[in-house]
Amino acid sequence: RNRHWEDFFDRLIELKENEGIQVSLIIQVDTQCHRIPNFIAKAQWA
């Protein structure tokens, strides 16, 4: 429900792909998160 979630994941993906700064994340979500387009896919990529 953070309205900037995609910006956050995109920035982490950029750091990973462009600079090799790869992080491991634990996040908290609600039971409706799977309905958000690309949320789970980008979470994994990030």
ModelCIF file with pLDDT and N, C-alpha, C, O atoms, coordinates in Angstrom:
data_MODEL
#
_entry.id   MODEL 
#
_entity.id                         1 
_entity.type                       polymer 
_entity.pdbx_number_of_molecules   1 
#
_entity_poly.entity_id                      1 
_entity_poly.type                           'polypeptide(L)' 
_entity_poly.nstd_linkage                   no 
_entity_poly.nstd_monomer                   no 
_entity_poly.pdbx_seq_one_letter_code       RNRHWEDFFDRLIELKENEGIQVSLIIQVDTQCHRIPNFIAKAQWA 
_entity_poly.pdbx_seq_one_letter_code_can   RNRHWEDFFDRLIELKENEGIQVSLIIQVDTQCHRIPNFIAKAQWA 
_entity_poly.pdbx_strand_id                 A 
#
loop_
_entity_poly_seq.entity_id 
_entity_poly_seq.num 
_entity_poly_seq.mon_id 
_entity_poly_seq.hetero 
1 1  ARG n 
1 2  ASN n 
1 3  ARG n 
1 4  HIS n 
1 5  TRP n 
1 6  GLU n 
1 7  ASP n 
1 8  PHE n 
1 9  PHE n 
1 10 ASP n 
1 11 ARG n 
1 12 LEU n 
1 13 ILE n 
1 14 GLU n 
1 15 LEU n 
1 16 LYS n 
1 17 GLU n 
1 18 ASN n 
1 19 GLU n 
1 20 GLY n 
1 21 ILE n 
1 22 GLN n 
1 23 VAL n 
1 24 SER n 
1 25 LEU n 
1 26 ILE n 
1 27 ILE n 
1 28 GLN n 
1 29 VAL n 
1 30 ASP n 
1 31 THR n 
1 32 GLN n 
1 33 CYS n 
1 34 HIS n 
1 35 ARG n 
1 36 ILE n 
1 37 PRO n 
1 38 ASN n 
1 39 PHE n 
1 40 ILE n 
1 41 ALA n 
1 42 LYS n 
1 43 ALA n 
1 44 GLN n 
1 45 TRP n 
1 46 ALA n 
#
_struct_asym.id          A 
_struct_asym.entity_id   1 
#
loop_
_ma_qa_metric.id 
_ma_qa_metric.mode 
_ma_qa_metric.name 
_ma_qa_metric.software_group_id 
_ma_qa_metric.type 
1 global pLDDT . pLDDT 
2 local  pLDDT . pLDDT 
#
_ma_qa_metric_global.metric_id      1 
_ma_qa_metric_global.metric_value   95.30 
_ma_qa_metric_global.model_id       1 
_ma_qa_metric_global.ordinal_id     1 
#
loop_
_ma_qa_metric_local.label_asym_id 
_ma_qa_metric_local.label_comp_id 
_ma_qa_metric_local.label_seq_id 
_ma_qa_metric_local.metric_id 
_ma_qa_metric_local.metric_value 
_ma_qa_metric_local.model_id 
_ma_qa_metric_local.ordinal_id 
A ARG 1  2 88.00 1 1  
A ASN 2  2 90.00 1 2  
A ARG 3  2 91.00 1 3  
A HIS 4  2 95.00 1 4  
A TRP 5  2 96.00 1 5  
A GLU 6  2 97.00 1 6  
A ASP 7  2 97.00 1 7  
A PHE 8  2 97.00 1 8  
A PHE 9  2 97.00 1 9  
A ASP 10 2 97.00 1 10 
A ARG 11 2 97.00 1 11 
A LEU 12 2 97.00 1 12 
A ILE 13 2 98.00 1 13 
A GLU 14 2 97.00 1 14 
A LEU 15 2 97.00 1 15 
A LYS 16 2 96.00 1 16 
A GLU 17 2 96.00 1 17 
A ASN 18 2 96.00 1 18 
A GLU 19 2 96.00 1 19 
A GLY 20 2 96.00 1 20 
A ILE 21 2 96.00 1 21 
A GLN 22 2 95.00 1 22 
A VAL 23 2 96.00 1 23 
A SER 24 2 96.00 1 24 
A LEU 25 2 96.00 1 25 
A ILE 26 2 96.00 1 26 
A ILE 27 2 96.00 1 27 
A GLN 28 2 94.00 1 28 
A VAL 29 2 94.00 1 29 
A ASP 30 2 91.00 1 30 
A THR 31 2 91.00 1 31 
A GLN 32 2 91.00 1 32 
A CYS 33 2 93.00 1 33 
A HIS 34 2 93.00 1 34 
A ARG 35 2 93.00 1 35 
A ILE 36 2 95.00 1 36 
A PRO 37 2 95.00 1 37 
A ASN 38 2 96.00 1 38 
A PHE 39 2 97.00 1 39 
A ILE 40 2 97.00 1 40 
A ALA 41 2 97.00 1 41 
A LYS 42 2 97.00 1 42 
A ALA 43 2 97.00 1 43 
A GLN 44 2 97.00 1 44 
A TRP 45 2 97.00 1 45 
A ALA 46 2 97.00 1 46 
#
loop_
_atom_site.group_PDB 
_atom_site.id 
_atom_site.type_symbol 
_atom_site.label_atom_id 
_atom_site.label_alt_id 
_atom_site.label_comp_id 
_atom_site.label_asym_id 
_atom_site.label_entity_id 
_atom_site.label_seq_id 
_atom_site.pdbx_PDB_ins_code 
_atom_site.Cartn_x 
_atom_site.Cartn_y 
_atom_site.Cartn_z 
_atom_site.occupancy 
_atom_site.B_iso_or_equiv 
_atom_site.pdbx_formal_charge 
_atom_site.auth_seq_id 
_atom_site.auth_comp_id 
_atom_site.auth_asym_id 
_atom_site.auth_atom_id 
_atom_site.pdbx_PDB_model_num 
ATOM 1   N N  . ARG A 1 1  ? 0.823  -1.218  0.000   1.00 88.00 ? 1  ARG A N  1 
ATOM 2   C CA . ARG A 1 1  ? 0.000  0.000   0.000   1.00 88.00 ? 1  ARG A CA 1 
ATOM 3   C C  . ARG A 1 1  ? 0.854  1.264   0.000   1.00 88.00 ? 1  ARG A C  1 
ATOM 4   O O  . ARG A 1 1  ? 0.324  2.369   0.122   1.00 88.00 ? 1  ARG A O  1 
ATOM 5   N N  . ASN A 1 2  ? 2.155  1.114   -0.134  1.00 90.00 ? 2  ASN A N  1 
ATOM 6   C CA . ASN A 1 2  ? 3.026  2.269   -0.305  1.00 90.00 ? 2  ASN A CA 1 
ATOM 7   C C  . ASN A 1 2  ? 2.925  2.684   -1.771  1.00 90.00 ? 2  ASN A C  1 
ATOM 8   O O  . ASN A 1 2  ? 3.321  1.928   -2.659  1.00 90.00 ? 2  ASN A O  1 
ATOM 9   N N  . ARG A 1 3  ? 2.406  3.864   -2.023  1.00 91.00 ? 3  ARG A N  1 
ATOM 10  C CA . ARG A 1 3  ? 2.122  4.242   -3.409  1.00 91.00 ? 3  ARG A CA 1 
ATOM 11  C C  . ARG A 1 3  ? 3.382  4.380   -4.258  1.00 91.00 ? 3  ARG A C  1 
ATOM 12  O O  . ARG A 1 3  ? 3.298  4.516   -5.479  1.00 91.00 ? 3  ARG A O  1 
ATOM 13  N N  . HIS A 1 4  ? 4.552  4.345   -3.614  1.00 95.00 ? 4  HIS A N  1 
ATOM 14  C CA . HIS A 1 4  ? 5.808  4.426   -4.363  1.00 95.00 ? 4  HIS A CA 1 
ATOM 15  C C  . HIS A 1 4  ? 6.476  3.066   -4.516  1.00 95.00 ? 4  HIS A C  1 
ATOM 16  O O  . HIS A 1 4  ? 7.652  2.993   -4.873  1.00 95.00 ? 4  HIS A O  1 
ATOM 17  N N  . TRP A 1 5  ? 5.736  1.980   -4.250  1.00 96.00 ? 5  TRP A N  1 
ATOM 18  C CA . TRP A 1 5  ? 6.374  0.666   -4.237  1.00 96.00 ? 5  TRP A CA 1 
ATOM 19  C C  . TRP A 1 5  ? 7.107  0.371   -5.545  1.00 96.00 ? 5  TRP A C  1 
ATOM 20  O O  . TRP A 1 5  ? 8.198  -0.199  -5.527  1.00 96.00 ? 5  TRP A O  1 
ATOM 21  N N  . GLU A 1 6  ? 6.515  0.754   -6.681  1.00 97.00 ? 6  GLU A N  1 
ATOM 22  C CA . GLU A 1 6  ? 7.146  0.432   -7.963  1.00 97.00 ? 6  GLU A CA 1 
ATOM 23  C C  . GLU A 1 6  ? 8.412  1.252   -8.167  1.00 97.00 ? 6  GLU A C  1 
ATOM 24  O O  . GLU A 1 6  ? 9.399  0.749   -8.704  1.00 97.00 ? 6  GLU A O  1 
ATOM 25  N N  . ASP A 1 7  ? 8.390  2.514   -7.741  1.00 97.00 ? 7  ASP A N  1 
ATOM 26  C CA . ASP A 1 7  ? 9.601  3.330   -7.813  1.00 97.00 ? 7  ASP A CA 1 
ATOM 27  C C  . ASP A 1 7  ? 10.715 2.706   -6.975  1.00 97.00 ? 7  ASP A C  1 
ATOM 28  O O  . ASP A 1 7  ? 11.872 2.669   -7.394  1.00 97.00 ? 7  ASP A O  1 
ATOM 29  N N  . PHE A 1 8  ? 10.356 2.216   -5.789  1.00 97.00 ? 8  PHE A N  1 
ATOM 30  C CA . PHE A 1 8  ? 11.350 1.597   -4.916  1.00 97.00 ? 8  PHE A CA 1 
ATOM 31  C C  . PHE A 1 8  ? 11.938 0.338   -5.563  1.00 97.00 ? 8  PHE A C  1 
ATOM 32  O O  . PHE A 1 8  ? 13.157 0.175   -5.629  1.00 97.00 ? 8  PHE A O  1 
ATOM 33  N N  . PHE A 1 9  ? 11.060 -0.544  -6.035  1.00 97.00 ? 9  PHE A N  1 
ATOM 34  C CA . PHE A 1 9  ? 11.552 -1.770  -6.651  1.00 97.00 ? 9  PHE A CA 1 
ATOM 35  C C  . PHE A 1 9  ? 12.376 -1.469  -7.904  1.00 97.00 ? 9  PHE A C  1 
ATOM 36  O O  . PHE A 1 9  ? 13.410 -2.098  -8.131  1.00 97.00 ? 9  PHE A O  1 
ATOM 37  N N  . ASP A 1 10 ? 11.925 -0.512  -8.715  1.00 97.00 ? 10 ASP A N  1 
ATOM 38  C CA . ASP A 1 10 ? 12.670 -0.152  -9.927  1.00 97.00 ? 10 ASP A CA 1 
ATOM 39  C C  . ASP A 1 10 ? 14.068 0.363   -9.574  1.00 97.00 ? 10 ASP A C  1 
ATOM 40  O O  . ASP A 1 10 ? 15.041 0.036   -10.252 1.00 97.00 ? 10 ASP A O  1 
ATOM 41  N N  . ARG A 1 11 ? 14.163 1.163   -8.517  1.00 97.00 ? 11 ARG A N  1 
ATOM 42  C CA . ARG A 1 11 ? 15.479 1.692   -8.139  1.00 97.00 ? 11 ARG A CA 1 
ATOM 43  C C  . ARG A 1 11 ? 16.409 0.569   -7.680  1.00 97.00 ? 11 ARG A C  1 
ATOM 44  O O  . ARG A 1 11 ? 17.595 0.566   -8.009  1.00 97.00 ? 11 ARG A O  1 
ATOM 45  N N  . LEU A 1 12 ? 15.869 -0.373  -6.927  1.00 97.00 ? 12 LEU A N  1 
ATOM 46  C CA . LEU A 1 12 ? 16.682 -1.509  -6.486  1.00 97.00 ? 12 LEU A CA 1 
ATOM 47  C C  . LEU A 1 12 ? 17.105 -2.371  -7.664  1.00 97.00 ? 12 LEU A C  1 
ATOM 48  O O  . LEU A 1 12 ? 18.223 -2.884  -7.699  1.00 97.00 ? 12 LEU A O  1 
ATOM 49  N N  . ILE A 1 13 ? 16.210 -2.525  -8.622  1.00 98.00 ? 13 ILE A N  1 
ATOM 50  C CA . ILE A 1 13 ? 16.537 -3.301  -9.823  1.00 98.00 ? 13 ILE A CA 1 
ATOM 51  C C  . ILE A 1 13 ? 17.644 -2.604  -10.622 1.00 98.00 ? 13 ILE A C  1 
ATOM 52  O O  . ILE A 1 13 ? 18.541 -3.263  -11.148 1.00 98.00 ? 13 ILE A O  1 
ATOM 53  N N  . GLU A 1 14 ? 17.576 -1.268  -10.712 1.00 97.00 ? 14 GLU A N  1 
ATOM 54  C CA . GLU A 1 14 ? 18.614 -0.512  -11.410 1.00 97.00 ? 14 GLU A CA 1 
ATOM 55  C C  . GLU A 1 14 ? 19.972 -0.693  -10.734 1.00 97.00 ? 14 GLU A C  1 
ATOM 56  O O  . GLU A 1 14 ? 20.982 -0.905  -11.405 1.00 97.00 ? 14 GLU A O  1 
ATOM 57  N N  . LEU A 1 15 ? 19.991 -0.608  -9.408  1.00 97.00 ? 15 LEU A N  1 
ATOM 58  C CA . LEU A 1 15 ? 21.245 -0.792  -8.676  1.00 97.00 ? 15 LEU A CA 1 
ATOM 59  C C  . LEU A 1 15 ? 21.801 -2.195  -8.898  1.00 97.00 ? 15 LEU A C  1 
ATOM 60  O O  . LEU A 1 15 ? 23.012 -2.387  -9.009  1.00 97.00 ? 15 LEU A O  1 
ATOM 61  N N  . LYS A 1 16 ? 20.915 -3.152  -8.960  1.00 96.00 ? 16 LYS A N  1 
ATOM 62  C CA . LYS A 1 16 ? 21.319 -4.544  -9.162  1.00 96.00 ? 16 LYS A CA 1 
ATOM 63  C C  . LYS A 1 16 ? 21.875 -4.766  -10.563 1.00 96.00 ? 16 LYS A C  1 
ATOM 64  O O  . LYS A 1 16 ? 22.946 -5.350  -10.730 1.00 96.00 ? 16 LYS A O  1 
ATOM 65  N N  . GLU A 1 17 ? 21.140 -4.296  -11.568 1.00 96.00 ? 17 GLU A N  1 
ATOM 66  C CA . GLU A 1 17 ? 21.516 -4.560  -12.948 1.00 96.00 ? 17 GLU A CA 1 
ATOM 67  C C  . GLU A 1 17 ? 22.681 -3.692  -13.428 1.00 96.00 ? 17 GLU A C  1 
ATOM 68  O O  . GLU A 1 17 ? 23.512 -4.151  -14.212 1.00 96.00 ? 17 GLU A O  1 
ATOM 69  N N  . ASN A 1 18 ? 22.747 -2.451  -12.965 1.00 96.00 ? 18 ASN A N  1 
ATOM 70  C CA . ASN A 1 18 ? 23.748 -1.519  -13.478 1.00 96.00 ? 18 ASN A CA 1 
ATOM 71  C C  . ASN A 1 18 ? 25.030 -1.484  -12.658 1.00 96.00 ? 18 ASN A C  1 
ATOM 72  O O  . ASN A 1 18 ? 26.107 -1.247  -13.205 1.00 96.00 ? 18 ASN A O  1 
ATOM 73  N N  . GLU A 1 19 ? 24.925 -1.721  -11.333 1.00 96.00 ? 19 GLU A N  1 
ATOM 74  C CA . GLU A 1 19 ? 26.106 -1.577  -10.477 1.00 96.00 ? 19 GLU A CA 1 
ATOM 75  C C  . GLU A 1 19 ? 26.439 -2.838  -9.692  1.00 96.00 ? 19 GLU A C  1 
ATOM 76  O O  . GLU A 1 19 ? 27.444 -2.877  -8.983  1.00 96.00 ? 19 GLU A O  1 
ATOM 77  N N  . GLY A 1 20 ? 25.611 -3.865  -9.811  1.00 96.00 ? 20 GLY A N  1 
ATOM 78  C CA . GLY A 1 20 ? 25.888 -5.096  -9.080  1.00 96.00 ? 20 GLY A CA 1 
ATOM 79  C C  . GLY A 1 20 ? 25.601 -5.003  -7.596  1.00 96.00 ? 20 GLY A C  1 
ATOM 80  O O  . GLY A 1 20 ? 26.034 -5.861  -6.826  1.00 96.00 ? 20 GLY A O  1 
ATOM 81  N N  . ILE A 1 21 ? 24.868 -3.964  -7.181  1.00 96.00 ? 21 ILE A N  1 
ATOM 82  C CA . ILE A 1 21 ? 24.481 -3.832  -5.766  1.00 96.00 ? 21 ILE A CA 1 
ATOM 83  C C  . ILE A 1 21 ? 23.198 -4.619  -5.569  1.00 96.00 ? 21 ILE A C  1 
ATOM 84  O O  . ILE A 1 21 ? 22.103 -4.123  -5.833  1.00 96.00 ? 21 ILE A O  1 
ATOM 85  N N  . GLN A 1 22 ? 23.343 -5.837  -5.107  1.00 95.00 ? 22 GLN A N  1 
ATOM 86  C CA . GLN A 1 22 ? 22.211 -6.749  -4.977  1.00 95.00 ? 22 GLN A CA 1 
ATOM 87  C C  . GLN A 1 22 ? 21.852 -6.903  -3.508  1.00 95.00 ? 22 GLN A C  1 
ATOM 88  O O  . GLN A 1 22 ? 22.716 -7.178  -2.675  1.00 95.00 ? 22 GLN A O  1 
ATOM 89  N N  . VAL A 1 23 ? 20.575 -6.726  -3.194  1.00 96.00 ? 23 VAL A N  1 
ATOM 90  C CA . VAL A 1 23 ? 20.131 -6.795  -1.813  1.00 96.00 ? 23 VAL A CA 1 
ATOM 91  C C  . VAL A 1 23 ? 19.139 -7.944  -1.634  1.00 96.00 ? 23 VAL A C  1 
ATOM 92  O O  . VAL A 1 23 ? 18.529 -8.421  -2.591  1.00 96.00 ? 23 VAL A O  1 
ATOM 93  N N  . SER A 1 24 ? 18.997 -8.371  -0.383  1.00 96.00 ? 24 SER A N  1 
ATOM 94  C CA . SER A 1 24 ? 18.000 -9.369  -0.011  1.00 96.00 ? 24 SER A CA 1 
ATOM 95  C C  . SER A 1 24 ? 17.015 -8.697  0.927   1.00 96.00 ? 24 SER A C  1 
ATOM 96  O O  . SER A 1 24 ? 17.415 -8.038  1.886   1.00 96.00 ? 24 SER A O  1 
ATOM 97  N N  . LEU A 1 25 ? 15.719 -8.863  0.651   1.00 96.00 ? 25 LEU A N  1 
ATOM 98  C CA . LEU A 1 25 ? 14.713 -8.105  1.379   1.00 96.00 ? 25 LEU A CA 1 
ATOM 99  C C  . LEU A 1 25 ? 13.656 -8.997  2.018   1.00 96.00 ? 25 LEU A C  1 
ATOM 100 O O  . LEU A 1 25 ? 13.243 -10.013 1.458   1.00 96.00 ? 25 LEU A O  1 
ATOM 101 N N  . ILE A 1 26 ? 13.237 -8.583  3.203   1.00 96.00 ? 26 ILE A N  1 
ATOM 102 C CA . ILE A 1 26 ? 12.032 -9.106  3.841   1.00 96.00 ? 26 ILE A CA 1 
ATOM 103 C C  . ILE A 1 26 ? 11.038 -7.957  3.874   1.00 96.00 ? 26 ILE A C  1 
ATOM 104 O O  . ILE A 1 26 ? 11.363 -6.868  4.349   1.00 96.00 ? 26 ILE A O  1 
ATOM 105 N N  . ILE A 1 27 ? 9.824  -8.189  3.371   1.00 96.00 ? 27 ILE A N  1 
ATOM 106 C CA . ILE A 1 27 ? 8.815  -7.129  3.383   1.00 96.00 ? 27 ILE A CA 1 
ATOM 107 C C  . ILE A 1 27 ? 7.523  -7.655  4.008   1.00 96.00 ? 27 ILE A C  1 
ATOM 108 O O  . ILE A 1 27 ? 7.333  -8.863  4.156   1.00 96.00 ? 27 ILE A O  1 
ATOM 109 N N  . GLN A 1 28 ? 6.646  -6.726  4.367   1.00 94.00 ? 28 GLN A N  1 
ATOM 110 C CA . GLN A 1 28 ? 5.334  -7.062  4.902   1.00 94.00 ? 28 GLN A CA 1 
ATOM 111 C C  . GLN A 1 28 ? 4.266  -6.582  3.916   1.00 94.00 ? 28 GLN A C  1 
ATOM 112 O O  . GLN A 1 28 ? 4.344  -5.473  3.388   1.00 94.00 ? 28 GLN A O  1 
ATOM 113 N N  . VAL A 1 29 ? 3.271  -7.435  3.679   1.00 94.00 ? 29 VAL A N  1 
ATOM 114 C CA . VAL A 1 29 ? 2.228  -7.108  2.696   1.00 94.00 ? 29 VAL A CA 1 
ATOM 115 C C  . VAL A 1 29 ? 0.868  -7.549  3.214   1.00 94.00 ? 29 VAL A C  1 
ATOM 116 O O  . VAL A 1 29 ? 0.771  -8.227  4.237   1.00 94.00 ? 29 VAL A O  1 
ATOM 117 N N  . ASP A 1 30 ? -0.190 -7.153  2.491   1.00 91.00 ? 30 ASP A N  1 
ATOM 118 C CA . ASP A 1 30 ? -1.528 -7.600  2.849   1.00 91.00 ? 30 ASP A CA 1 
ATOM 119 C C  . ASP A 1 30 ? -1.948 -8.755  1.946   1.00 91.00 ? 30 ASP A C  1 
ATOM 120 O O  . ASP A 1 30 ? -1.194 -9.172  1.067   1.00 91.00 ? 30 ASP A O  1 
ATOM 121 N N  . THR A 1 31 ? -3.146 -9.262  2.168   1.00 91.00 ? 31 THR A N  1 
ATOM 122 C CA . THR A 1 31 ? -3.608 -10.447 1.436   1.00 91.00 ? 31 THR A CA 1 
ATOM 123 C C  . THR A 1 31 ? -4.149 -10.123 0.049   1.00 91.00 ? 31 THR A C  1 
ATOM 124 O O  . THR A 1 31 ? -4.545 -11.028 -0.686  1.00 91.00 ? 31 THR A O  1 
ATOM 125 N N  . GLN A 1 32 ? -4.172 -8.838  -0.320  1.00 91.00 ? 32 GLN A N  1 
ATOM 126 C CA . GLN A 1 32 ? -4.651 -8.442  -1.643  1.00 91.00 ? 32 GLN A CA 1 
ATOM 127 C C  . GLN A 1 32 ? -3.520 -8.024  -2.580  1.00 91.00 ? 32 GLN A C  1 
ATOM 128 O O  . GLN A 1 32 ? -3.773 -7.565  -3.694  1.00 91.00 ? 32 GLN A O  1 
ATOM 129 N N  . CYS A 1 33 ? -2.276 -8.180  -2.130  1.00 93.00 ? 33 CYS A N  1 
ATOM 130 C CA . CYS A 1 33 ? -1.145 -7.667  -2.904  1.00 93.00 ? 33 CYS A CA 1 
ATOM 131 C C  . CYS A 1 33 ? -1.007 -8.346  -4.261  1.00 93.00 ? 33 CYS A C  1 
ATOM 132 O O  . CYS A 1 33 ? -0.492 -7.742  -5.202  1.00 93.00 ? 33 CYS A O  1 
ATOM 133 N N  . HIS A 1 34 ? -1.461 -9.600  -4.375  1.00 93.00 ? 34 HIS A N  1 
ATOM 134 C CA . HIS A 1 34 ? -1.305 -10.319 -5.643  1.00 93.00 ? 34 HIS A CA 1 
ATOM 135 C C  . HIS A 1 34 ? -2.166 -9.717  -6.749  1.00 93.00 ? 34 HIS A C  1 
ATOM 136 O O  . HIS A 1 34 ? -1.944 -9.999  -7.926  1.00 93.00 ? 34 HIS A O  1 
ATOM 137 N N  . ARG A 1 35 ? -3.137 -8.899  -6.388  1.00 93.00 ? 35 ARG A N  1 
ATOM 138 C CA . ARG A 1 35 ? -3.999 -8.257  -7.381  1.00 93.00 ? 35 ARG A CA 1 
ATOM 139 C C  . ARG A 1 35 ? -3.329 -7.048  -8.038  1.00 93.00 ? 35 ARG A C  1 
ATOM 140 O O  . ARG A 1 35 ? -3.796 -6.567  -9.070  1.00 93.00 ? 35 ARG A O  1 
ATOM 141 N N  . ILE A 1 36 ? -2.250 -6.562  -7.453  1.00 95.00 ? 36 ILE A N  1 
ATOM 142 C CA . ILE A 1 36 ? -1.560 -5.387  -8.004  1.00 95.00 ? 36 ILE A CA 1 
ATOM 143 C C  . ILE A 1 36 ? -0.683 -5.838  -9.166  1.00 95.00 ? 36 ILE A C  1 
ATOM 144 O O  . ILE A 1 36 ? 0.222  -6.645  -8.955  1.00 95.00 ? 36 ILE A O  1 
ATOM 145 N N  . PRO A 1 37 ? -0.910 -5.359  -10.369 1.00 95.00 ? 37 PRO A N  1 
ATOM 146 C CA . PRO A 1 37 ? -0.122 -5.796  -11.526 1.00 95.00 ? 37 PRO A CA 1 
ATOM 147 C C  . PRO A 1 37 ? 1.378  -5.611  -11.298 1.00 95.00 ? 37 PRO A C  1 
ATOM 148 O O  . PRO A 1 37 ? 1.832  -4.531  -10.919 1.00 95.00 ? 37 PRO A O  1 
ATOM 149 N N  . ASN A 1 38 ? 2.137  -6.682  -11.535 1.00 96.00 ? 38 ASN A N  1 
ATOM 150 C CA . ASN A 1 38 ? 3.601  -6.693  -11.491 1.00 96.00 ? 38 ASN A CA 1 
ATOM 151 C C  . ASN A 1 38 ? 4.197  -6.611  -10.085 1.00 96.00 ? 38 ASN A C  1 
ATOM 152 O O  . ASN A 1 38 ? 5.420  -6.622  -9.941  1.00 96.00 ? 38 ASN A O  1 
ATOM 153 N N  . PHE A 1 39 ? 3.363  -6.530  -9.045  1.00 97.00 ? 39 PHE A N  1 
ATOM 154 C CA . PHE A 1 39 ? 3.923  -6.349  -7.704  1.00 97.00 ? 39 PHE A CA 1 
ATOM 155 C C  . PHE A 1 39 ? 4.820  -7.524  -7.316  1.00 97.00 ? 39 PHE A C  1 
ATOM 156 O O  . PHE A 1 39 ? 5.961  -7.324  -6.899  1.00 97.00 ? 39 PHE A O  1 
ATOM 157 N N  . ILE A 1 40 ? 4.311  -8.736  -7.453  1.00 97.00 ? 40 ILE A N  1 
ATOM 158 C CA . ILE A 1 40 ? 5.080  -9.904  -7.023  1.00 97.00 ? 40 ILE A CA 1 
ATOM 159 C C  . ILE A 1 40 ? 6.291  -10.119 -7.919  1.00 97.00 ? 40 ILE A C  1 
ATOM 160 O O  . ILE A 1 40 ? 7.371  -10.442 -7.426  1.00 97.00 ? 40 ILE A O  1 
ATOM 161 N N  . ALA A 1 41 ? 6.130  -9.948  -9.219  1.00 97.00 ? 41 ALA A N  1 
ATOM 162 C CA . ALA A 1 41 ? 7.250  -10.141 -10.147 1.00 97.00 ? 41 ALA A CA 1 
ATOM 163 C C  . ALA A 1 41 ? 8.379  -9.158  -9.858  1.00 97.00 ? 41 ALA A C  1 
ATOM 164 O O  . ALA A 1 41 ? 9.550  -9.536  -9.831  1.00 97.00 ? 41 ALA A O  1 
ATOM 165 N N  . LYS A 1 42 ? 8.020  -7.893  -9.641  1.00 97.00 ? 42 LYS A N  1 
ATOM 166 C CA . LYS A 1 42 ? 9.058  -6.892  -9.381  1.00 97.00 ? 42 LYS A CA 1 
ATOM 167 C C  . LYS A 1 42 ? 9.660  -7.066  -7.991  1.00 97.00 ? 42 LYS A C  1 
ATOM 168 O O  . LYS A 1 42 ? 10.839 -6.781  -7.781  1.00 97.00 ? 42 LYS A O  1 
ATOM 169 N N  . ALA A 1 43 ? 8.852  -7.532  -7.043  1.00 97.00 ? 43 ALA A N  1 
ATOM 170 C CA . ALA A 1 43 ? 9.382  -7.796  -5.700  1.00 97.00 ? 43 ALA A CA 1 
ATOM 171 C C  . ALA A 1 43 ? 10.492 -8.839  -5.782  1.00 97.00 ? 43 ALA A C  1 
ATOM 172 O O  . ALA A 1 43 ? 11.550 -8.683  -5.172  1.00 97.00 ? 43 ALA A O  1 
ATOM 173 N N  . GLN A 1 44 ? 10.241 -9.900  -6.539  1.00 97.00 ? 44 GLN A N  1 
ATOM 174 C CA . GLN A 1 44 ? 11.260 -10.944 -6.689  1.00 97.00 ? 44 GLN A CA 1 
ATOM 175 C C  . GLN A 1 44 ? 12.510 -10.391 -7.380  1.00 97.00 ? 44 GLN A C  1 
ATOM 176 O O  . GLN A 1 44 ? 13.628 -10.659 -6.942  1.00 97.00 ? 44 GLN A O  1 
ATOM 177 N N  . TRP A 1 45 ? 12.328 -9.639  -8.433  1.00 97.00 ? 45 TRP A N  1 
ATOM 178 C CA . TRP A 1 45 ? 13.446 -9.078  -9.193  1.00 97.00 ? 45 TRP A CA 1 
ATOM 179 C C  . TRP A 1 45 ? 14.267 -8.121  -8.317  1.00 97.00 ? 45 TRP A C  1 
ATOM 180 O O  . TRP A 1 45 ? 15.491 -8.061  -8.428  1.00 97.00 ? 45 TRP A O  1 
ATOM 181 N N  . ALA A 1 46 ? 13.580 -7.382  -7.454  1.00 97.00 ? 46 ALA A N  1 
ATOM 182 C CA . ALA A 1 46 ? 14.268 -6.409  -6.610  1.00 97.00 ? 46 ALA A CA 1 
ATOM 183 C C  . ALA A 1 46 ? 15.044 -7.068  -5.474  1.00 97.00 ? 46 ALA A C  1 
ATOM 184 O O  . ALA A 1 46 ? 15.676 -6.376  -4.676  1.00 97.00 ? 46 ALA A O  1 
#
